[in-house]
Amino acid sequence: MLRRRLLTGVMTAAVVAATMVPFSLTSRAQTPAVEPNTEISGTIDVAMVANPQMVALQELVESGAFNEAYPNITVNLTVLPENEIRQTITQDVTTQSGQFDVFTIGPFEVPLWAEQGWLEEVGAAAEANPDYDLADVFESMKAGLTYEGGLYALPFYGESAMTFYRTDLFEEAGLEMPERPTWTQIAEFAAALDSDAVSGVCLRGLPGWGEMGAPLGTVINAFGGRWYDENWVAQLNDEDSARAIRFYIELLQNYGPEGAVGNGFTENETLLIQGQCAMWYDATSAAELITDPAINPDYEQVGFAYGPSDKLPTGNWLWSWNFAMAANSDAKDAANAFMQWATSTAYVDAIVAFDGGWGRAPTGARASVYENPSYQERAADFAEIVLNSINEANPNEPTEEPVPYTGGQFVRIPEFQQLGNDVTQIFASALVGDMEIDAAIEEANALADQVAIDAGYQE
């Protein structure tokens, strides 16, 4: 098991004092200018996942908005697709090579890496800054970023999962999507709507624990399955788990788009926008994107429903992308300033003004976003579903049966990054027909068992 370490994680008085300076917004935000902070200086290297919200942040930084607030801080950004950036950040942090000062990670990594002493505690500084308003951040998001009472990352945006669908296609077929569909209904709709021009459903088929592994993990949970039993004996070949895996793969084989094995979040989002997918189950954070007229000309044809159910009403998807600071950073003042700027209410206002709307604004992390009249008008069709989905998720009790781990769409153990990657690679082979689904399930289960044995989880 992981060794325990006593983590001080205390920010220096200088850092706390430095973060008391109010944030400056880009001039596009049309807010009163504030005095720039010239006391903090340095160069920081930041690694980010290339999701649309992060790309928007990259553009705003490159426009000079951050340097309006902190003119003496230089920010070098590395922005890569999800699978690539995960590997890059993990290698940097676990080897302690010190390539990055700040990086985006999720609630999977934060407690594990904080326990190892690899992350700097950042909650004290955020709490000390009245302009940051840490209390505005959802408790469910902070809970996944906490270790031994300390907060080791600041949420950029949060999400659960939901169902997106093309209302025009449903209307043409005489179908009606219920507010809370079942997976059986999703399969029936997919069969009715699938054609040469339109795929019945889109799901992630791209291998990776954070790609295919995320939605598949929630389907396993919803079907009553689990990765391990209480004794860390693998359960992927258990009746409920196997039924879920078989369902997921066959649903994509029968009604998914051609080349589904290469489709992750971004590819499926594009297919739905283009009208080439009738339904898509994925992260709630896509809602603003696919209803942005600048991104989706047919935004009025998108409908929203809760994530599908089976034995359980939810698959317990709860995720956030967060900024964390390397404990071995040599520019902690500058790193802390950037993190607080990028995750502040001021940044939300700035990116909405910069983009001219809410399409790529970070949501799902702060209560004030959902109290904003402009956002309420913009998100009237889906905001309630998103908030309820976030609140209903319970990653501490993710399955119907007892389990020795936490995590909704993942198993929070260090070994899961590699295990999830390997297992989804096996299932991808089944998806493209290179092996039988049941054989893939047995191979994946044997691998999960071996990982638990090698790590010492099984007696």
Protein backbone atom coordinates (compact mmCIF):
# COMPACT_ATOMS: atom_id res chain seq x y z
CA MET A 1 0.00 0.00 0.00
CA LEU A 2 1.09 3.61 -0.35
CA ARG A 3 3.46 4.80 2.32
CA ARG A 4 2.16 7.66 4.44
CA ARG A 5 4.03 10.90 4.62
CA LEU A 6 3.57 13.88 6.86
CA LEU A 7 2.89 16.79 4.58
CA THR A 8 3.33 20.29 5.88
CA GLY A 9 2.05 21.94 2.70
CA VAL A 10 2.25 25.39 4.26
CA MET A 11 2.48 28.35 1.92
CA THR A 12 5.02 30.94 2.91
CA ALA A 13 3.80 34.23 4.32
CA ALA A 14 5.09 35.94 1.21
CA VAL A 15 2.88 33.82 -1.04
CA VAL A 16 -0.19 34.41 1.08
CA ALA A 17 0.45 38.12 1.17
CA ALA A 18 1.12 38.27 -2.55
CA THR A 19 -2.21 36.67 -3.38
CA MET A 20 -4.14 39.35 -1.56
CA VAL A 21 -3.80 41.61 -4.60
CA PRO A 22 -7.08 41.90 -6.60
CA PHE A 23 -7.19 40.22 -9.98
CA SER A 24 -7.04 42.24 -13.16
CA LEU A 25 -9.23 41.33 -16.10
CA THR A 26 -8.59 41.67 -19.76
CA SER A 27 -9.82 44.95 -21.18
CA ARG A 28 -12.45 43.03 -23.14
CA ALA A 29 -14.21 42.27 -19.88
CA GLN A 30 -15.31 45.91 -19.58
CA THR A 31 -14.61 46.06 -15.86
CA PRO A 32 -12.70 48.73 -13.97
CA ALA A 33 -8.96 48.27 -14.24
CA VAL A 34 -7.04 47.46 -11.08
CA GLU A 35 -3.45 48.11 -10.22
CA PRO A 36 -1.22 45.37 -11.67
CA ASN A 37 0.88 43.32 -9.25
CA THR A 38 4.51 44.04 -10.05
CA GLU A 39 5.90 42.47 -6.87
CA ILE A 40 5.66 38.88 -8.05
CA SER A 41 8.02 37.86 -10.82
CA GLY A 42 9.34 34.69 -12.37
CA THR A 43 8.86 32.18 -15.14
CA ILE A 44 6.49 29.25 -14.80
CA ASP A 45 5.91 26.24 -17.03
CA VAL A 46 2.29 25.11 -17.17
CA ALA A 47 1.01 21.83 -18.66
CA MET A 48 -2.68 21.68 -19.65
CA VAL A 49 -5.07 19.26 -21.30
CA ALA A 50 -6.22 20.47 -24.73
CA ASN A 51 -9.91 20.58 -23.88
CA PRO A 52 -11.82 23.55 -25.34
CA GLN A 53 -11.98 25.36 -22.00
CA MET A 54 -8.20 25.05 -21.61
CA VAL A 55 -7.60 26.18 -25.18
CA ALA A 56 -9.69 29.25 -24.37
CA LEU A 57 -7.48 29.87 -21.35
CA GLN A 58 -4.41 29.51 -23.55
CA GLU A 59 -5.78 32.10 -25.97
CA LEU A 60 -6.60 34.52 -23.18
CA VAL A 61 -3.11 34.17 -21.69
CA GLU A 62 -1.54 34.70 -25.10
CA SER A 63 -3.70 37.81 -25.57
CA GLY A 64 -1.90 39.36 -22.61
CA ALA A 65 -4.75 39.21 -20.11
CA PHE A 66 -2.74 37.49 -17.40
CA ASN A 67 0.14 39.90 -17.80
CA GLU A 68 -2.22 42.82 -17.30
CA ALA A 69 -2.56 41.50 -13.77
CA TYR A 70 0.98 40.19 -13.34
CA PRO A 71 3.33 41.91 -15.83
CA ASN A 72 6.49 40.37 -14.38
CA ILE A 73 5.43 36.73 -14.66
CA THR A 74 6.24 34.77 -17.81
CA VAL A 75 3.97 31.78 -18.52
CA ASN A 76 5.12 29.00 -20.84
CA LEU A 77 2.18 26.77 -21.81
CA THR A 78 2.29 23.15 -22.97
CA VAL A 79 -1.14 22.08 -24.26
CA LEU A 80 -1.63 18.48 -25.45
CA PRO A 81 -4.50 16.00 -26.01
CA GLU A 82 -5.73 14.20 -22.90
CA ASN A 83 -3.88 10.90 -23.25
CA GLU A 84 -0.61 12.64 -24.14
CA ILE A 85 -0.71 15.26 -21.40
CA ARG A 86 -1.61 12.65 -18.76
CA GLN A 87 1.46 10.63 -19.66
CA THR A 88 3.68 13.72 -19.81
CA ILE A 89 2.55 15.11 -16.46
CA THR A 90 2.62 11.73 -14.72
CA GLN A 91 6.17 11.07 -15.87
CA ASP A 92 7.29 14.53 -14.77
CA VAL A 93 5.70 14.33 -11.34
CA THR A 94 6.48 10.72 -10.46
CA THR A 95 10.11 11.08 -11.47
CA GLN A 96 10.31 14.51 -9.83
CA SER A 97 12.08 15.91 -12.87
CA GLY A 98 10.65 19.40 -12.26
CA GLN A 99 9.68 20.18 -15.83
CA PHE A 100 6.40 21.85 -14.82
CA ASP A 101 5.48 24.22 -12.02
CA VAL A 102 1.72 23.96 -12.59
CA PHE A 103 -0.35 21.26 -14.31
CA THR A 104 -3.93 20.15 -14.81
CA ILE A 105 -4.90 16.95 -13.03
CA GLY A 106 -8.09 15.40 -11.70
CA PRO A 107 -9.45 14.09 -8.40
CA PHE A 108 -7.93 10.72 -9.25
CA GLU A 109 -4.36 11.95 -8.92
CA VAL A 110 -4.63 14.71 -6.31
CA PRO A 111 -4.96 12.67 -3.06
CA LEU A 112 -2.49 10.04 -4.29
CA TRP A 113 0.16 12.56 -5.30
CA ALA A 114 -0.40 14.71 -2.22
CA GLU A 115 0.23 11.65 -0.06
CA GLN A 116 3.57 11.20 -1.77
CA GLY A 117 4.56 14.80 -1.10
CA TRP A 118 4.59 15.74 -4.78
CA LEU A 119 2.02 18.55 -4.59
CA GLU A 120 2.03 21.89 -2.78
CA GLU A 121 -0.89 22.68 -0.48
CA VAL A 122 -2.73 25.64 -2.05
CA GLY A 123 -5.89 25.96 0.00
CA ALA A 124 -4.38 28.18 2.71
CA ALA A 125 -3.38 30.85 0.20
CA ALA A 126 -6.74 30.69 -1.58
CA GLU A 127 -8.59 30.97 1.72
CA ALA A 128 -6.49 33.98 2.69
CA ASN A 129 -7.34 35.86 -0.50
CA PRO A 130 -10.76 37.56 -0.13
CA ASP A 131 -10.91 38.22 -3.87
CA TYR A 132 -10.67 34.51 -4.63
CA ASP A 133 -13.76 33.42 -2.64
CA LEU A 134 -12.90 29.79 -1.98
CA ALA A 135 -16.29 29.31 -0.31
CA ASP A 136 -17.92 29.81 -3.72
CA VAL A 137 -16.38 26.53 -4.96
CA PHE A 138 -18.68 23.50 -4.68
CA GLU A 139 -17.86 21.33 -1.68
CA SER A 140 -18.14 18.20 -3.84
CA MET A 141 -15.32 19.51 -6.01
CA LYS A 142 -13.08 20.46 -3.09
CA ALA A 143 -13.66 17.09 -1.42
CA GLY A 144 -11.90 15.22 -4.22
CA LEU A 145 -8.90 17.54 -4.00
CA THR A 146 -8.35 17.27 -0.25
CA TYR A 147 -5.77 15.22 1.60
CA GLU A 148 -5.47 15.21 5.41
CA GLY A 149 -7.38 18.47 5.63
CA GLY A 150 -5.34 20.33 3.03
CA LEU A 151 -6.47 21.44 -0.42
CA TYR A 152 -3.92 20.42 -3.05
CA ALA A 153 -5.49 21.77 -6.25
CA LEU A 154 -7.89 24.51 -7.35
CA PRO A 155 -10.85 23.54 -9.59
CA PHE A 156 -10.96 25.03 -13.07
CA TYR A 157 -14.18 23.31 -14.13
CA GLY A 158 -16.23 20.37 -12.90
CA GLU A 159 -18.57 17.88 -14.47
CA SER A 160 -20.78 14.85 -14.13
CA ALA A 161 -22.32 12.99 -17.09
CA MET A 162 -25.48 13.41 -19.13
CA THR A 163 -27.16 12.42 -22.39
CA PHE A 164 -27.17 14.75 -25.39
CA TYR A 165 -29.43 14.06 -28.35
CA ARG A 166 -30.64 15.59 -31.61
CA THR A 167 -34.23 16.70 -31.08
CA ASP A 168 -34.81 17.05 -34.82
CA LEU A 169 -33.90 13.40 -35.42
CA PHE A 170 -36.08 12.24 -32.54
CA GLU A 171 -39.01 14.29 -33.83
CA GLU A 172 -38.63 12.93 -37.37
CA ALA A 173 -38.68 9.38 -36.00
CA GLY A 174 -41.62 10.03 -33.69
CA LEU A 175 -39.56 9.29 -30.59
CA GLU A 176 -39.46 11.06 -27.25
CA MET A 177 -36.45 11.06 -24.95
CA PRO A 178 -37.43 10.76 -21.29
CA GLU A 179 -35.75 13.07 -18.81
CA ARG A 180 -34.18 10.06 -17.11
CA PRO A 181 -33.63 7.35 -19.74
CA THR A 182 -32.46 3.80 -19.11
CA TRP A 183 -29.64 2.16 -21.02
CA THR A 184 -32.24 -0.21 -22.49
CA GLN A 185 -34.09 2.77 -23.91
CA ILE A 186 -30.86 4.25 -25.27
CA ALA A 187 -30.21 1.01 -27.14
CA GLU A 188 -33.76 0.99 -28.52
CA PHE A 189 -33.46 4.61 -29.68
CA ALA A 190 -30.08 3.89 -31.26
CA ALA A 191 -31.55 0.99 -33.24
CA ALA A 192 -34.45 3.13 -34.45
CA LEU A 193 -32.31 6.13 -35.44
CA ASP A 194 -29.26 4.45 -36.92
CA SER A 195 -28.85 4.85 -40.68
CA ASP A 196 -26.21 5.19 -43.34
CA ALA A 197 -26.11 8.94 -42.74
CA VAL A 198 -26.49 9.03 -38.95
CA SER A 199 -25.07 6.83 -36.22
CA GLY A 200 -27.56 5.87 -33.55
CA VAL A 201 -25.21 6.66 -30.68
CA CYS A 202 -21.74 7.99 -29.94
CA LEU A 203 -19.60 6.76 -27.05
CA ARG A 204 -15.89 6.99 -26.43
CA GLY A 205 -14.04 4.10 -28.07
CA LEU A 206 -10.55 5.60 -27.84
CA PRO A 207 -8.41 3.52 -25.44
CA GLY A 208 -7.28 5.23 -22.26
CA TRP A 209 -8.40 5.17 -18.64
CA GLY A 210 -9.67 8.74 -19.01
CA GLU A 211 -11.12 8.21 -22.50
CA MET A 212 -13.07 4.99 -23.06
CA GLY A 213 -12.47 4.06 -19.43
CA ALA A 214 -14.51 6.97 -18.06
CA PRO A 215 -17.94 6.33 -19.62
CA LEU A 216 -17.43 2.56 -19.59
CA GLY A 217 -16.67 2.69 -15.87
CA THR A 218 -19.95 4.47 -15.19
CA VAL A 219 -21.87 1.93 -17.28
CA ILE A 220 -20.32 -0.86 -15.21
CA ASN A 221 -21.42 0.95 -12.04
CA ALA A 222 -24.94 1.60 -13.34
CA PHE A 223 -25.35 -2.06 -14.32
CA GLY A 224 -24.50 -3.11 -10.76
CA GLY A 225 -20.98 -4.21 -11.57
CA ARG A 226 -17.64 -3.31 -10.04
CA TRP A 227 -13.91 -3.58 -10.70
CA TYR A 228 -13.11 -5.42 -7.44
CA ASP A 229 -14.93 -6.97 -4.51
CA GLU A 230 -14.13 -6.17 -0.89
CA ASN A 231 -11.10 -8.48 -0.96
CA TRP A 232 -9.64 -6.93 -4.13
CA VAL A 233 -10.63 -9.91 -6.25
CA ALA A 234 -11.31 -8.70 -9.79
CA GLN A 235 -14.98 -8.65 -10.80
CA LEU A 236 -14.91 -7.60 -14.46
CA ASN A 237 -16.11 -11.07 -15.45
CA ASP A 238 -18.89 -11.03 -12.84
CA GLU A 239 -22.37 -11.24 -14.37
CA ASP A 240 -23.29 -7.57 -13.99
CA SER A 241 -19.88 -6.19 -14.96
CA ALA A 242 -19.60 -8.47 -17.98
CA ARG A 243 -23.13 -7.55 -19.06
CA ALA A 244 -22.20 -3.86 -18.95
CA ILE A 245 -18.98 -4.30 -20.90
CA ARG A 246 -20.67 -6.47 -23.51
CA PHE A 247 -23.51 -3.94 -23.81
CA TYR A 248 -21.11 -1.00 -24.30
CA ILE A 249 -19.03 -2.69 -26.98
CA GLU A 250 -21.99 -4.14 -28.87
CA LEU A 251 -23.85 -0.82 -28.75
CA LEU A 252 -20.90 0.83 -30.49
CA GLN A 253 -20.43 -2.05 -32.92
CA ASN A 254 -24.09 -2.05 -33.95
CA TYR A 255 -25.02 1.62 -33.87
CA GLY A 256 -21.83 3.64 -33.36
CA PRO A 257 -19.92 5.64 -35.97
CA GLU A 258 -17.34 4.10 -38.24
CA GLY A 259 -13.91 4.23 -36.64
CA ALA A 260 -15.35 4.55 -33.12
CA VAL A 261 -12.13 3.14 -31.68
CA GLY A 262 -10.46 6.45 -32.55
CA ASN A 263 -13.14 8.67 -31.02
CA GLY A 264 -12.74 10.38 -27.68
CA PHE A 265 -14.58 13.34 -26.19
CA THR A 266 -13.68 15.86 -28.91
CA GLU A 267 -14.36 13.60 -31.87
CA ASN A 268 -17.81 12.60 -30.60
CA GLU A 269 -18.68 16.20 -29.82
CA THR A 270 -17.91 17.08 -33.43
CA LEU A 271 -20.04 14.21 -34.76
CA LEU A 272 -23.04 15.31 -32.70
CA ILE A 273 -22.67 18.93 -33.83
CA GLN A 274 -22.46 17.79 -37.45
CA GLY A 275 -25.68 15.82 -37.09
CA GLN A 276 -23.87 12.51 -37.62
CA CYS A 277 -24.82 11.15 -34.19
CA ALA A 278 -28.33 10.92 -32.83
CA MET A 279 -27.22 10.59 -29.18
CA TRP A 280 -24.09 11.06 -27.14
CA TYR A 281 -23.42 10.14 -23.51
CA ASP A 282 -20.52 12.08 -22.03
CA ALA A 283 -19.40 14.87 -19.71
CA THR A 284 -21.82 17.63 -18.72
CA SER A 285 -19.07 20.15 -19.50
CA ALA A 286 -19.93 19.70 -23.19
CA ALA A 287 -23.31 21.39 -22.74
CA GLU A 288 -22.04 24.95 -23.12
CA LEU A 289 -19.88 23.98 -26.09
CA ILE A 290 -22.53 22.28 -28.19
CA THR A 291 -25.07 25.03 -27.56
CA ASP A 292 -22.70 27.81 -28.59
CA PRO A 293 -23.95 29.27 -31.89
CA ALA A 294 -20.37 30.04 -32.87
CA ILE A 295 -19.50 26.35 -32.56
CA ASN A 296 -22.78 24.67 -33.47
CA PRO A 297 -25.09 26.36 -36.01
CA ASP A 298 -27.77 23.77 -35.13
CA TYR A 299 -27.53 24.37 -31.38
CA GLU A 300 -31.31 24.66 -31.08
CA GLN A 301 -31.60 21.03 -32.19
CA VAL A 302 -29.74 19.68 -29.14
CA GLY A 303 -31.69 18.16 -26.27
CA PHE A 304 -30.55 17.10 -22.80
CA ALA A 305 -31.35 14.25 -20.43
CA TYR A 306 -29.78 12.67 -17.38
CA GLY A 307 -27.19 9.95 -17.69
CA PRO A 308 -28.85 6.58 -18.40
CA SER A 309 -29.67 4.17 -15.58
CA ASP A 310 -29.88 0.42 -15.18
CA LYS A 311 -29.73 -1.18 -11.73
CA LEU A 312 -28.48 2.12 -10.35
CA PRO A 313 -29.87 5.54 -11.30
CA THR A 314 -26.39 6.95 -11.88
CA GLY A 315 -22.96 5.75 -12.86
CA ASN A 316 -21.40 8.23 -10.41
CA TRP A 317 -19.36 10.25 -12.87
CA LEU A 318 -17.81 13.15 -10.96
CA TRP A 319 -14.73 14.82 -12.35
CA SER A 320 -12.96 18.12 -12.34
CA TRP A 321 -9.97 19.55 -14.14
CA ASN A 322 -7.85 21.38 -11.62
CA PHE A 323 -4.61 23.30 -11.39
CA ALA A 324 -2.05 21.83 -9.02
CA MET A 325 1.41 23.05 -8.12
CA ALA A 326 4.52 20.88 -8.03
CA ALA A 327 6.01 20.79 -4.54
CA ASN A 328 9.47 21.10 -6.10
CA SER A 329 8.59 24.24 -8.09
CA ASP A 330 11.16 27.01 -7.74
CA ALA A 331 8.61 29.71 -8.65
CA LYS A 332 5.82 29.11 -6.14
CA ASP A 333 4.75 32.74 -5.79
CA ALA A 334 4.28 33.05 -9.54
CA ALA A 335 2.69 29.61 -9.82
CA ASN A 336 0.19 30.40 -7.08
CA ALA A 337 -0.70 33.73 -8.70
CA PHE A 338 -1.42 32.01 -12.02
CA MET A 339 -3.50 29.23 -10.45
CA GLN A 340 -5.69 31.64 -8.53
CA TRP A 341 -6.14 33.91 -11.54
CA ALA A 342 -7.12 31.01 -13.83
CA THR A 343 -9.66 29.55 -11.37
CA SER A 344 -11.18 32.82 -10.12
CA THR A 345 -14.58 34.36 -10.65
CA ALA A 346 -12.74 37.18 -12.40
CA TYR A 347 -11.40 34.74 -14.98
CA VAL A 348 -14.92 33.48 -15.69
CA ASP A 349 -16.04 37.03 -16.42
CA ALA A 350 -12.96 37.63 -18.54
CA ILE A 351 -13.36 34.57 -20.76
CA VAL A 352 -17.08 35.21 -21.27
CA ALA A 353 -16.22 38.72 -22.43
CA PHE A 354 -13.25 37.48 -24.49
CA ASP A 355 -15.34 34.82 -26.27
CA GLY A 356 -18.51 36.87 -26.41
CA GLY A 357 -20.46 34.16 -24.61
CA TRP A 358 -20.44 31.15 -22.29
CA GLY A 359 -19.37 28.53 -24.86
CA ARG A 360 -15.90 27.82 -23.47
CA ALA A 361 -16.29 29.26 -19.98
CA PRO A 362 -15.39 26.95 -17.08
CA THR A 363 -18.52 25.78 -15.27
CA GLY A 364 -19.47 23.09 -12.75
CA ALA A 365 -17.08 24.35 -10.07
CA ARG A 366 -18.47 27.62 -8.67
CA ALA A 367 -21.95 28.34 -7.34
CA SER A 368 -21.80 31.95 -8.53
CA VAL A 369 -21.84 30.81 -12.16
CA TYR A 370 -25.28 29.25 -11.66
CA GLU A 371 -26.52 32.39 -9.90
CA ASN A 372 -25.46 34.60 -12.79
CA PRO A 373 -28.57 35.85 -14.69
CA SER A 374 -26.67 35.79 -17.99
CA TYR A 375 -25.73 32.15 -17.47
CA GLN A 376 -29.21 31.22 -16.27
CA GLU A 377 -30.66 32.50 -19.52
CA ARG A 378 -27.97 30.82 -21.59
CA ALA A 379 -28.16 27.45 -19.83
CA ALA A 380 -31.89 27.25 -19.10
CA ASP A 381 -32.25 23.94 -20.92
CA PHE A 382 -29.51 22.05 -19.09
CA ALA A 383 -28.25 23.83 -15.95
CA GLU A 384 -30.63 21.99 -13.61
CA ILE A 385 -29.64 18.60 -15.04
CA VAL A 386 -25.96 19.45 -14.66
CA LEU A 387 -26.27 20.61 -11.06
CA ASN A 388 -28.45 17.67 -10.05
CA SER A 389 -26.08 15.22 -11.74
CA ILE A 390 -23.11 16.68 -9.87
CA ASN A 391 -25.01 16.58 -6.57
CA GLU A 392 -26.35 13.05 -7.11
CA ALA A 393 -22.94 11.55 -7.86
CA ASN A 394 -21.38 9.73 -4.94
CA PRO A 395 -17.89 8.52 -5.87
CA ASN A 396 -17.25 7.42 -2.28
CA GLU A 397 -19.93 4.74 -2.77
CA PRO A 398 -19.79 4.21 -6.53
CA THR A 399 -21.36 0.78 -6.86
CA GLU A 400 -24.29 -1.31 -5.72
CA GLU A 401 -22.07 -3.77 -3.85
CA PRO A 402 -19.36 -2.83 -1.32
CA VAL A 403 -15.95 -2.04 -2.79
CA PRO A 404 -12.56 -1.24 -1.20
CA TYR A 405 -11.95 1.76 -3.44
CA THR A 406 -13.44 5.17 -4.20
CA GLY A 407 -14.01 6.84 -7.53
CA GLY A 408 -16.92 6.94 -9.94
CA GLN A 409 -15.40 6.45 -13.38
CA PHE A 410 -12.08 5.23 -12.01
CA VAL A 411 -10.54 3.19 -9.20
CA ARG A 412 -8.46 5.46 -7.00
CA ILE A 413 -5.27 3.44 -6.69
CA PRO A 414 -1.92 4.41 -8.25
CA GLU A 415 -1.90 1.32 -10.44
CA PHE A 416 -5.17 2.22 -12.14
CA GLN A 417 -3.63 4.59 -14.65
CA GLN A 418 -1.77 1.74 -16.32
CA LEU A 419 -4.47 -0.83 -15.60
CA GLY A 420 -7.18 1.36 -17.11
CA ASN A 421 -5.06 2.02 -20.18
CA ASP A 422 -4.31 -1.67 -20.67
CA VAL A 423 -7.88 -2.85 -20.07
CA THR A 424 -9.37 -0.33 -22.48
CA GLN A 425 -6.79 -1.38 -25.07
CA ILE A 426 -8.05 -4.94 -24.69
CA PHE A 427 -11.65 -3.79 -25.08
CA ALA A 428 -10.67 -1.72 -28.11
CA SER A 429 -9.40 -4.93 -29.72
CA ALA A 430 -12.81 -6.47 -29.11
CA LEU A 431 -14.52 -3.36 -30.47
CA VAL A 432 -12.75 -3.66 -33.83
CA GLY A 433 -13.35 -7.42 -33.95
CA ASP A 434 -9.81 -8.63 -33.32
CA MET A 435 -11.00 -10.77 -30.41
CA GLU A 436 -14.26 -12.04 -28.97
CA ILE A 437 -15.86 -9.81 -26.35
CA ASP A 438 -16.05 -12.55 -23.72
CA ALA A 439 -12.40 -13.41 -24.29
CA ALA A 440 -11.52 -9.75 -23.86
CA ILE A 441 -13.45 -9.62 -20.60
CA GLU A 442 -11.61 -12.65 -19.25
CA GLU A 443 -8.23 -11.23 -20.27
CA ALA A 444 -9.04 -7.88 -18.67
CA ASN A 445 -10.23 -9.56 -15.49
CA ALA A 446 -7.08 -11.64 -15.23
CA LEU A 447 -4.99 -8.51 -15.68
CA ALA A 448 -6.94 -6.66 -12.97
CA ASP A 449 -6.45 -9.61 -10.62
CA GLN A 450 -2.72 -9.70 -11.28
CA VAL A 451 -2.39 -5.97 -10.62
CA ALA A 452 -4.15 -6.37 -7.25
CA ILE A 453 -1.88 -9.29 -6.35
CA ASP A 454 1.33 -7.56 -7.42
CA ALA A 455 0.39 -4.39 -5.51
CA GLY A 456 -0.34 -6.33 -2.36
CA TYR A 457 -4.04 -5.48 -2.20
CA GLN A 458 -5.12 -9.13 -2.25
CA GLU A 459 -4.23 -11.21 0.79
